[in-house]
């Protein structure tokens, strides 16, 4: 049984992606061998491991993006009020 090539560990020496790297890898009896060829952990499990270690970074990124959005909303409202003032003067 094989796995998609997106599950394969990238070989830094290869410049071309080997799309057949996961072919019949799961038929091998030695499951420890799998760790050197493919990712054996799923995406959600990897994310659950990664997120607690990087929680502060993720929180800071969300806060900065939120602040930028609020500044953009404030500037848009200011522009709208300036346009309304110019319309009223005519």
PDB file of N, CA and C in Angstrom:
ATOM      1  N   UNK A   1       0.853  -1.176   0.000  1.00  0.00           N
ATOM      2  CA  UNK A   1       0.000   0.000   0.000  1.00  0.00           C
ATOM      3  C   UNK A   1       0.895   1.234   0.000  1.00  0.00           C
ATOM      4  N   UNK A   2       0.598   2.173  -0.825  1.00  0.00           N
ATOM      5  CA  UNK A   2       1.411   3.374  -0.942  1.00  0.00           C
ATOM      6  C   UNK A   2       0.745   4.576  -0.309  1.00  0.00           C
ATOM      7  N   UNK A   3       1.464   5.674  -0.334  1.00  0.00           N
ATOM      8  CA  UNK A   3       0.956   6.947   0.174  1.00  0.00           C
ATOM      9  C   UNK A   3       1.181   8.000  -0.901  1.00  0.00           C
ATOM     10  N   UNK A   4       0.426   9.107  -0.877  1.00  0.00           N
ATOM     11  CA  UNK A   4       0.658  10.181  -1.848  1.00  0.00           C
ATOM     12  C   UNK A   4       2.045  10.790  -1.656  1.00  0.00           C
ATOM     13  N   UNK A   5       2.585  11.372  -2.718  1.00  0.00           N
ATOM     14  CA  UNK A   5       3.931  11.924  -2.606  1.00  0.00           C
ATOM     15  C   UNK A   5       3.981  13.132  -1.681  1.00  0.00           C
ATOM     16  N   UNK A   6       2.827  13.729  -1.375  1.00  0.00           N
ATOM     17  CA  UNK A   6       2.814  14.847  -0.422  1.00  0.00           C
ATOM     18  C   UNK A   6       3.103  14.373   1.001  1.00  0.00           C
ATOM     19  N   UNK A   7       2.985  13.077   1.247  1.00  0.00           N
ATOM     20  CA  UNK A   7       3.308  12.514   2.564  1.00  0.00           C
ATOM     21  C   UNK A   7       4.784  12.166   2.701  1.00  0.00           C
ATOM     22  N   UNK A   8       5.538  12.270   1.622  1.00  0.00           N
ATOM     23  CA  UNK A   8       6.951  11.891   1.652  1.00  0.00           C
ATOM     24  C   UNK A   8       7.799  13.008   2.244  1.00  0.00           C
ATOM     25  N   UNK A   9       8.838  12.608   2.957  1.00  0.00           N
ATOM     26  CA  UNK A   9       9.803  13.572   3.465  1.00  0.00           C
ATOM     27  C   UNK A   9      10.637  14.081   2.298  1.00  0.00           C
ATOM     28  N   UNK A  10      10.860  15.387   2.262  1.00  0.00           N
ATOM     29  CA  UNK A  10      11.629  15.977   1.166  1.00  0.00           C
ATOM     30  C   UNK A  10      13.109  15.649   1.328  1.00  0.00           C
ATOM     31  N   UNK A  11      13.717  15.258   0.235  1.00  0.00           N
ATOM     32  CA  UNK A  11      15.158  14.998   0.230  1.00  0.00           C
ATOM     33  C   UNK A  11      15.847  16.270  -0.252  1.00  0.00           C
ATOM     34  N   UNK A  12      16.656  16.922   0.598  1.00  0.00           N
ATOM     35  CA  UNK A  12      17.274  18.187   0.197  1.00  0.00           C
ATOM     36  C   UNK A  12      18.243  18.040  -0.972  1.00  0.00           C
ATOM     37  N   UNK A  13      18.735  16.837  -1.228  1.00  0.00           N
ATOM     38  CA  UNK A  13      19.674  16.628  -2.328  1.00  0.00           C
ATOM     39  C   UNK A  13      18.969  16.572  -3.680  1.00  0.00           C
ATOM     40  N   UNK A  14      17.664  16.317  -3.677  1.00  0.00           N
ATOM     41  CA  UNK A  14      16.924  16.203  -4.932  1.00  0.00           C
ATOM     42  C   UNK A  14      16.270  17.531  -5.276  1.00  0.00           C
ATOM     43  N   UNK A  15      16.439  17.963  -6.527  1.00  0.00           N
ATOM     44  CA  UNK A  15      15.808  19.206  -6.959  1.00  0.00           C
ATOM     45  C   UNK A  15      14.444  18.945  -7.593  1.00  0.00           C
ATOM     46  N   UNK A  16      14.194  17.716  -8.018  1.00  0.00           N
ATOM     47  CA  UNK A  16      12.919  17.336  -8.618  1.00  0.00           C
ATOM     48  C   UNK A  16      12.147  16.490  -7.613  1.00  0.00           C
ATOM     49  N   UNK A  17      10.849  16.766  -7.495  1.00  0.00           N
ATOM     50  CA  UNK A  17      10.012  16.012  -6.559  1.00  0.00           C
ATOM     51  C   UNK A  17       9.826  14.590  -7.072  1.00  0.00           C
ATOM     52  N   UNK A  18      10.098  13.631  -6.211  1.00  0.00           N
ATOM     53  CA  UNK A  18       9.918  12.223  -6.555  1.00  0.00           C
ATOM     54  C   UNK A  18       8.474  11.844  -6.252  1.00  0.00           C
ATOM     55  N   UNK A  19       7.656  11.723  -7.281  1.00  0.00           N
ATOM     56  CA  UNK A  19       6.235  11.423  -7.081  1.00  0.00           C
ATOM     57  C   UNK A  19       5.987   9.957  -6.763  1.00  0.00           C
ATOM     58  N   UNK A  20       6.995   9.110  -6.886  1.00  0.00           N
ATOM     59  CA  UNK A  20       6.858   7.681  -6.601  1.00  0.00           C
ATOM     60  C   UNK A  20       7.495   7.290  -5.270  1.00  0.00           C
ATOM     61  N   UNK A  21       7.843   8.274  -4.449  1.00  0.00           N
ATOM     62  CA  UNK A  21       8.569   7.969  -3.210  1.00  0.00           C
ATOM     63  C   UNK A  21       7.726   7.177  -2.210  1.00  0.00           C
ATOM     64  N   UNK A  22       6.409   7.303  -2.264  1.00  0.00           N
ATOM     65  CA  UNK A  22       5.561   6.593  -1.319  1.00  0.00           C
ATOM     66  C   UNK A  22       5.041   5.263  -1.819  1.00  0.00           C
ATOM     67  N   UNK A  23       5.514   4.828  -2.969  1.00  0.00           N
ATOM     68  CA  UNK A  23       5.026   3.590  -3.573  1.00  0.00           C
ATOM     69  C   UNK A  23       5.431   2.381  -2.738  1.00  0.00           C
ATOM     70  N   UNK A  24       4.463   1.607  -2.306  1.00  0.00           N
ATOM     71  CA  UNK A  24       4.657   0.374  -1.520  1.00  0.00           C
ATOM     72  C   UNK A  24       5.452   0.561  -0.232  1.00  0.00           C
ATOM     73  N   UNK A  25       5.485   1.765   0.296  1.00  0.00           N
ATOM     74  CA  UNK A  25       6.266   1.993   1.515  1.00  0.00           C
ATOM     75  C   UNK A  25       5.605   1.350   2.731  1.00  0.00           C
ATOM     76  N   UNK A  26       4.281   1.241   2.715  1.00  0.00           N
ATOM     77  CA  UNK A  26       3.579   0.688   3.874  1.00  0.00           C
ATOM     78  C   UNK A  26       3.547  -0.837   3.876  1.00  0.00           C
ATOM     79  N   UNK A  27       4.064  -1.456   2.841  1.00  0.00           N
ATOM     80  CA  UNK A  27       4.128  -2.923   2.827  1.00  0.00           C
ATOM     81  C   UNK A  27       5.368  -3.436   3.542  1.00  0.00           C
ATOM     82  N   UNK A  28       6.269  -2.537   3.880  1.00  0.00           N
ATOM     83  CA  UNK A  28       7.481  -2.948   4.600  1.00  0.00           C
ATOM     84  C   UNK A  28       7.114  -3.337   6.024  1.00  0.00           C
ATOM     85  N   UNK A  29       7.745  -4.377   6.518  1.00  0.00           N
ATOM     86  CA  UNK A  29       7.437  -4.885   7.857  1.00  0.00           C
ATOM     87  C   UNK A  29       7.995  -3.995   8.959  1.00  0.00           C
ATOM     88  N   UNK A  30       9.126  -3.376   8.733  1.00  0.00           N
ATOM     89  CA  UNK A  30       9.767  -2.548   9.745  1.00  0.00           C
ATOM     90  C   UNK A  30       9.155  -1.145   9.721  1.00  0.00           C
ATOM     91  N   UNK A  31       8.249  -0.886  10.659  1.00  0.00           N
ATOM     92  CA  UNK A  31       7.562   0.403  10.680  1.00  0.00           C
ATOM     93  C   UNK A  31       8.482   1.551  11.084  1.00  0.00           C
ATOM     94  N   UNK A  32       9.607   1.245  11.733  1.00  0.00           N
ATOM     95  CA  UNK A  32      10.565   2.298  12.073  1.00  0.00           C
ATOM     96  C   UNK A  32      11.205   2.869  10.815  1.00  0.00           C
ATOM     97  N   UNK A  33      11.233   2.081   9.766  1.00  0.00           N
ATOM     98  CA  UNK A  33      11.772   2.526   8.484  1.00  0.00           C
ATOM     99  C   UNK A  33      10.883   3.601   7.863  1.00  0.00           C
ATOM    100  N   UNK A  34       9.613   3.562   8.166  1.00  0.00           N
ATOM    101  CA  UNK A  34       8.668   4.529   7.612  1.00  0.00           C
ATOM    102  C   UNK A  34       9.046   5.952   7.991  1.00  0.00           C
ATOM    103  N   UNK A  35       9.522   6.148   9.230  1.00  0.00           N
ATOM    104  CA  UNK A  35       9.825   7.493   9.720  1.00  0.00           C
ATOM    105  C   UNK A  35      10.873   8.208   8.885  1.00  0.00           C
ATOM    106  N   UNK A  36      11.741   7.468   8.221  1.00  0.00           N
ATOM    107  CA  UNK A  36      12.775   8.103   7.407  1.00  0.00           C
ATOM    108  C   UNK A  36      12.314   8.357   5.978  1.00  0.00           C
ATOM    109  N   UNK A  37      11.127   7.851   5.619  1.00  0.00           N
ATOM    110  CA  UNK A  37      10.651   7.980   4.242  1.00  0.00           C
ATOM    111  C   UNK A  37       9.411   8.868   4.146  1.00  0.00           C
ATOM    112  N   UNK A  38       8.452   8.660   5.061  1.00  0.00           N
ATOM    113  CA  UNK A  38       7.182   9.393   4.982  1.00  0.00           C
ATOM    114  C   UNK A  38       6.857  10.036   6.324  1.00  0.00           C
ATOM    115  N   UNK A  39       5.921  11.002   6.258  1.00  0.00           N
ATOM    116  CA  UNK A  39       5.362  11.559   7.490  1.00  0.00           C
ATOM    117  C   UNK A  39       4.350  10.546   8.015  1.00  0.00           C
ATOM    118  N   UNK A  40       4.547  10.088   9.243  1.00  0.00           N
ATOM    119  CA  UNK A  40       3.644   9.078   9.788  1.00  0.00           C
ATOM    120  C   UNK A  40       2.561   9.708  10.656  1.00  0.00           C
ATOM    121  N   UNK A  41       2.711  10.978  10.981  1.00  0.00           N
ATOM    122  CA  UNK A  41       1.729  11.676  11.803  1.00  0.00           C
ATOM    123  C   UNK A  41       0.801  12.474  10.886  1.00  0.00           C
ATOM    124  N   UNK A  42      -0.477  12.495  11.178  1.00  0.00           N
ATOM    125  CA  UNK A  42      -1.431  13.234  10.372  1.00  0.00           C
ATOM    126  C   UNK A  42      -1.303  14.739  10.555  1.00  0.00           C
ATOM    127  N   UNK A  43      -1.967  15.481   9.689  1.00  0.00           N
ATOM    128  CA  UNK A  43      -1.880  16.947   9.723  1.00  0.00           C
ATOM    129  C   UNK A  43      -2.448  17.518  11.020  1.00  0.00           C
ATOM    130  N   UNK A  44      -3.584  17.001  11.449  1.00  0.00           N
ATOM    131  CA  UNK A  44      -4.197  17.534  12.670  1.00  0.00           C
ATOM    132  C   UNK A  44      -3.346  17.231  13.894  1.00  0.00           C
ATOM    133  N   UNK A  45      -2.782  16.054  13.958  1.00  0.00           N
ATOM    134  CA  UNK A  45      -1.913  15.712  15.089  1.00  0.00           C
ATOM    135  C   UNK A  45      -0.662  16.585  15.090  1.00  0.00           C
ATOM    136  N   UNK A  46      -0.117  16.844  13.915  1.00  0.00           N
ATOM    137  CA  UNK A  46       1.060  17.710  13.826  1.00  0.00           C
ATOM    138  C   UNK A  46       0.705  19.134  14.230  1.00  0.00           C
ATOM    139  N   UNK A  47      -0.475  19.607  13.820  1.00  0.00           N
ATOM    140  CA  UNK A  47      -0.920  20.950  14.206  1.00  0.00           C
ATOM    141  C   UNK A  47      -1.159  21.029  15.707  1.00  0.00           C
ATOM    142  N   UNK A  48      -1.737  19.983  16.286  1.00  0.00           N
ATOM    143  CA  UNK A  48      -1.962  19.962  17.733  1.00  0.00           C
ATOM    144  C   UNK A  48      -0.651  19.965  18.510  1.00  0.00           C
ATOM    145  N   UNK A  49       0.394  19.408  17.950  1.00  0.00           N
ATOM    146  CA  UNK A  49       1.711  19.455  18.587  1.00  0.00           C
ATOM    147  C   UNK A  49       2.380  20.813  18.391  1.00  0.00           C
ATOM    148  N   UNK A  50       2.194  21.414  17.209  1.00  0.00           N
ATOM    149  CA  UNK A  50       2.871  22.658  16.863  1.00  0.00           C
ATOM    150  C   UNK A  50       2.245  23.867  17.557  1.00  0.00           C
ATOM    151  N   UNK A  51       0.918  23.911  17.626  1.00  0.00           N
ATOM    152  CA  UNK A  51       0.220  25.096  18.125  1.00  0.00           C
ATOM    153  C   UNK A  51       0.571  25.468  19.561  1.00  0.00           C
ATOM    154  N   UNK A  52       0.596  24.559  20.525  1.00  0.00           N
ATOM    155  CA  UNK A  52       0.959  24.969  21.889  1.00  0.00           C
ATOM    156  C   UNK A  52       2.378  25.529  21.996  1.00  0.00           C
ATOM    157  N   UNK A  53       3.282  25.044  21.164  1.00  0.00           N
ATOM    158  CA  UNK A  53       4.655  25.546  21.210  1.00  0.00           C
ATOM    159  C   UNK A  53       4.778  26.933  20.593  1.00  0.00           C
ATOM    160  N   UNK A  54       3.835  27.318  19.746  1.00  0.00           N
ATOM    161  CA  UNK A  54       3.901  28.594  19.037  1.00  0.00           C
ATOM    162  C   UNK A  54       2.686  29.467  19.314  1.00  0.00           C
ATOM    163  N   UNK A  55       2.059  29.274  20.463  1.00  0.00           N
ATOM    164  CA  UNK A  55       0.823  29.975  20.767  1.00  0.00           C
ATOM    165  C   UNK A  55       1.019  31.485  20.846  1.00  0.00           C
ATOM    166  N   UNK A  56       2.104  31.932  21.473  1.00  0.00           N
ATOM    167  CA  UNK A  56       2.346  33.370  21.593  1.00  0.00           C
ATOM    168  C   UNK A  56       2.557  34.013  20.227  1.00  0.00           C
ATOM    169  N   UNK A  57       3.273  33.352  19.363  1.00  0.00           N
ATOM    170  CA  UNK A  57       3.503  33.891  18.019  1.00  0.00           C
ATOM    171  C   UNK A  57       2.194  34.003  17.253  1.00  0.00           C
ATOM    172  N   UNK A  58       1.382  32.974  17.315  1.00  0.00           N
ATOM    173  CA  UNK A  58       0.095  32.990  16.621  1.00  0.00           C
ATOM    174  C   UNK A  58      -0.799  34.085  17.192  1.00  0.00           C
ATOM    175  N   UNK A  59      -0.823  34.236  18.513  1.00  0.00           N
ATOM    176  CA  UNK A  59      -1.645  35.270  19.146  1.00  0.00           C
ATOM    177  C   UNK A  59      -1.180  36.662  18.736  1.00  0.00           C
ATOM    178  N   UNK A  60       0.126  36.884  18.696  1.00  0.00           N
ATOM    179  CA  UNK A  60       0.650  38.196  18.304  1.00  0.00           C
ATOM    180  C   UNK A  60       0.290  38.506  16.857  1.00  0.00           C
ATOM    181  N   UNK A  61       0.383  37.526  15.987  1.00  0.00           N
ATOM    182  CA  UNK A  61       0.019  37.738  14.584  1.00  0.00           C
ATOM    183  C   UNK A  61      -1.456  38.104  14.469  1.00  0.00           C
ATOM    184  N   UNK A  62      -2.332  37.408  15.186  1.00  0.00           N
ATOM    185  CA  UNK A  62      -3.758  37.728  15.146  1.00  0.00           C
ATOM    186  C   UNK A  62      -4.036  39.119  15.700  1.00  0.00           C
ATOM    187  N   UNK A  63      -3.363  39.501  16.767  1.00  0.00           N
ATOM    188  CA  UNK A  63      -3.570  40.825  17.355  1.00  0.00           C
ATOM    189  C   UNK A  63      -3.113  41.913  16.394  1.00  0.00           C
ATOM    190  N   UNK A  64      -1.954  41.733  15.778  1.00  0.00           N
ATOM    191  CA  UNK A  64      -1.444  42.734  14.832  1.00  0.00           C
ATOM    192  C   UNK A  64      -2.382  42.871  13.641  1.00  0.00           C
ATOM    193  N   UNK A  65      -2.856  41.759  13.112  1.00  0.00           N
ATOM    194  CA  UNK A  65      -3.788  41.822  11.979  1.00  0.00           C
ATOM    195  C   UNK A  65      -5.081  42.512  12.392  1.00  0.00           C
ATOM    196  N   UNK A  66      -5.575  42.233  13.593  1.00  0.00           N
ATOM    197  CA  UNK A  66      -6.798  42.880  14.077  1.00  0.00           C
ATOM    198  C   UNK A  66      -6.601  44.381  14.225  1.00  0.00           C
ATOM    199  N   UNK A  67      -5.457  44.784  14.762  1.00  0.00           N
ATOM    200  CA  UNK A  67      -5.177  46.216  14.907  1.00  0.00           C
ATOM    201  C   UNK A  67      -5.088  46.904  13.547  1.00  0.00           C
ATOM    202  N   UNK A  68      -4.458  46.259  12.590  1.00  0.00           N
ATOM    203  CA  UNK A  68      -4.390  46.838  11.248  1.00  0.00           C
ATOM    204  C   UNK A  68      -5.780  46.979  10.636  1.00  0.00           C
ATOM    205  N   UNK A  69      -6.633  46.005  10.866  1.00  0.00           N
ATOM    206  CA  UNK A  69      -8.005  46.090  10.361  1.00  0.00           C
ATOM    207  C   UNK A  69      -8.757  47.251  11.008  1.00  0.00           C
ATOM    208  N   UNK A  70      -8.570  47.423  12.318  1.00  0.00           N
ATOM    209  CA  UNK A  70      -9.249  48.521  13.012  1.00  0.00           C
ATOM    210  C   UNK A  70      -8.744  49.880  12.531  1.00  0.00           C
ATOM    211  N   UNK A  71      -7.449  49.999  12.290  1.00  0.00           N
ATOM    212  CA  UNK A  71      -6.908  51.255  11.757  1.00  0.00           C
ATOM    213  C   UNK A  71      -7.489  51.518  10.372  1.00  0.00           C
ATOM    214  N   UNK A  72      -7.592  50.497   9.548  1.00  0.00           N
ATOM    215  CA  UNK A  72      -8.188  50.648   8.224  1.00  0.00           C
ATOM    216  C   UNK A  72      -9.639  51.092   8.294  1.00  0.00           C
ATOM    217  N   UNK A  73     -10.396  50.533   9.225  1.00  0.00           N
ATOM    218  CA  UNK A  73     -11.798  50.936   9.400  1.00  0.00           C
ATOM    219  C   UNK A  73     -11.882  52.386   9.859  1.00  0.00           C
ATOM    220  N   UNK A  74     -11.017  52.773  10.793  1.00  0.00           N
ATOM    221  CA  UNK A  74     -10.998  54.159  11.281  1.00  0.00           C
ATOM    222  C   UNK A  74     -10.672  55.123  10.140  1.00  0.00           C
ATOM    223  N   UNK A  75      -9.675  54.799   9.340  1.00  0.00           N
ATOM    224  CA  UNK A  75      -9.303  55.679   8.233  1.00  0.00           C
ATOM    225  C   UNK A  75     -10.415  55.756   7.189  1.00  0.00           C
ATOM    226  N   UNK A  76     -11.105  54.657   6.943  1.00  0.00           N
ATOM    227  CA  UNK A  76     -12.215  54.659   5.992  1.00  0.00           C
ATOM    228  C   UNK A  76     -13.356  55.532   6.499  1.00  0.00           C
ATOM    229  N   UNK A  77     -13.666  55.440   7.799  1.00  0.00           N
ATOM    230  CA  UNK A  77     -14.733  56.274   8.368  1.00  0.00           C
ATOM    231  C   UNK A  77     -14.341  57.748   8.325  1.00  0.00           C
ATOM    232  N   UNK A  78     -13.062  58.044   8.568  1.00  0.00           N
ATOM    233  CA  UNK A  78     -12.583  59.423   8.497  1.00  0.00           C
ATOM    234  C   UNK A  78     -12.707  59.955   7.075  1.00  0.00           C
ATOM    235  N   UNK A  79     -12.348  59.148   6.100  1.00  0.00           N
ATOM    236  CA  UNK A  79     -12.469  59.551   4.704  1.00  0.00           C
ATOM    237  C   UNK A  79     -13.924  59.800   4.337  1.00  0.00           C
ATOM    238  N   UNK A  80     -14.819  58.942   4.791  1.00  0.00           N
ATOM    239  CA  UNK A  80     -16.245  59.124   4.505  1.00  0.00           C
ATOM    240  C   UNK A  80     -16.752  60.425   5.110  1.00  0.00           C
ATOM    241  N   UNK A  81     -16.361  60.710   6.345  1.00  0.00           N
ATOM    242  CA  UNK A  81     -16.824  61.957   6.974  1.00  0.00           C
ATOM    243  C   UNK A  81     -16.234  63.179   6.277  1.00  0.00           C
ATOM    244  N   UNK A  82     -14.994  63.107   5.805  1.00  0.00           N
ATOM    245  CA  UNK A  82     -14.405  64.224   5.063  1.00  0.00           C
ATOM    246  C   UNK A  82     -15.131  64.441   3.742  1.00  0.00           C
ATOM    247  N   UNK A  83     -15.505  63.370   3.064  1.00  0.00           N
ATOM    248  CA  UNK A  83     -16.251  63.485   1.812  1.00  0.00           C
ATOM    249  C   UNK A  83     -17.621  64.096   2.073  1.00  0.00           C
ATOM    250  N   UNK A  84     -18.273  63.690   3.155  1.00  0.00           N
ATOM    251  CA  UNK A  84     -19.582  64.254   3.501  1.00  0.00           C
ATOM    252  C   UNK A  84     -19.470  65.749   3.792  1.00  0.00           C
ATOM    253  N   UNK A  85     -18.406  66.179   4.461  1.00  0.00           N
ATOM    254  CA  UNK A  85     -18.206  67.607   4.743  1.00  0.00           C
ATOM    255  C   UNK A  85     -18.042  68.399   3.459  1.00  0.00           C
ATOM    256  N   UNK A  86     -17.294  67.855   2.508  1.00  0.00           N
ATOM    257  CA  UNK A  86     -17.092  68.542   1.232  1.00  0.00           C
ATOM    258  C   UNK A  86     -18.407  68.607   0.465  1.00  0.00           C
ATOM    259  N   UNK A  87     -19.220  67.567   0.524  1.00  0.00           N
ATOM    260  CA  UNK A  87     -20.518  67.568  -0.155  1.00  0.00           C
ATOM    261  C   UNK A  87     -21.444  68.617   0.437  1.00  0.00           C
ATOM    262  N   UNK A  88     -21.397  68.786   1.757  1.00  0.00           N
ATOM    263  CA  UNK A  88     -22.280  69.744   2.418  1.00  0.00           C
ATOM    264  C   UNK A  88     -21.911  71.182   2.084  1.00  0.00           C
ATOM    265  N   UNK A  89     -20.666  71.464   1.797  1.00  0.00           N
ATOM    266  CA  UNK A  89     -20.221  72.823   1.490  1.00  0.00           C
ATOM    267  C   UNK A  89     -20.709  73.281   0.128  1.00  0.00           C
ATOM    268  N   UNK A  90     -21.019  72.403  -0.759  1.00  0.00           N
ATOM    269  CA  UNK A  90     -21.441  72.797  -2.109  1.00  0.00           C
ATOM    270  C   UNK A  90     -22.825  73.271  -2.134  1.00  0.00           C
TER     271      UNK A  90
END
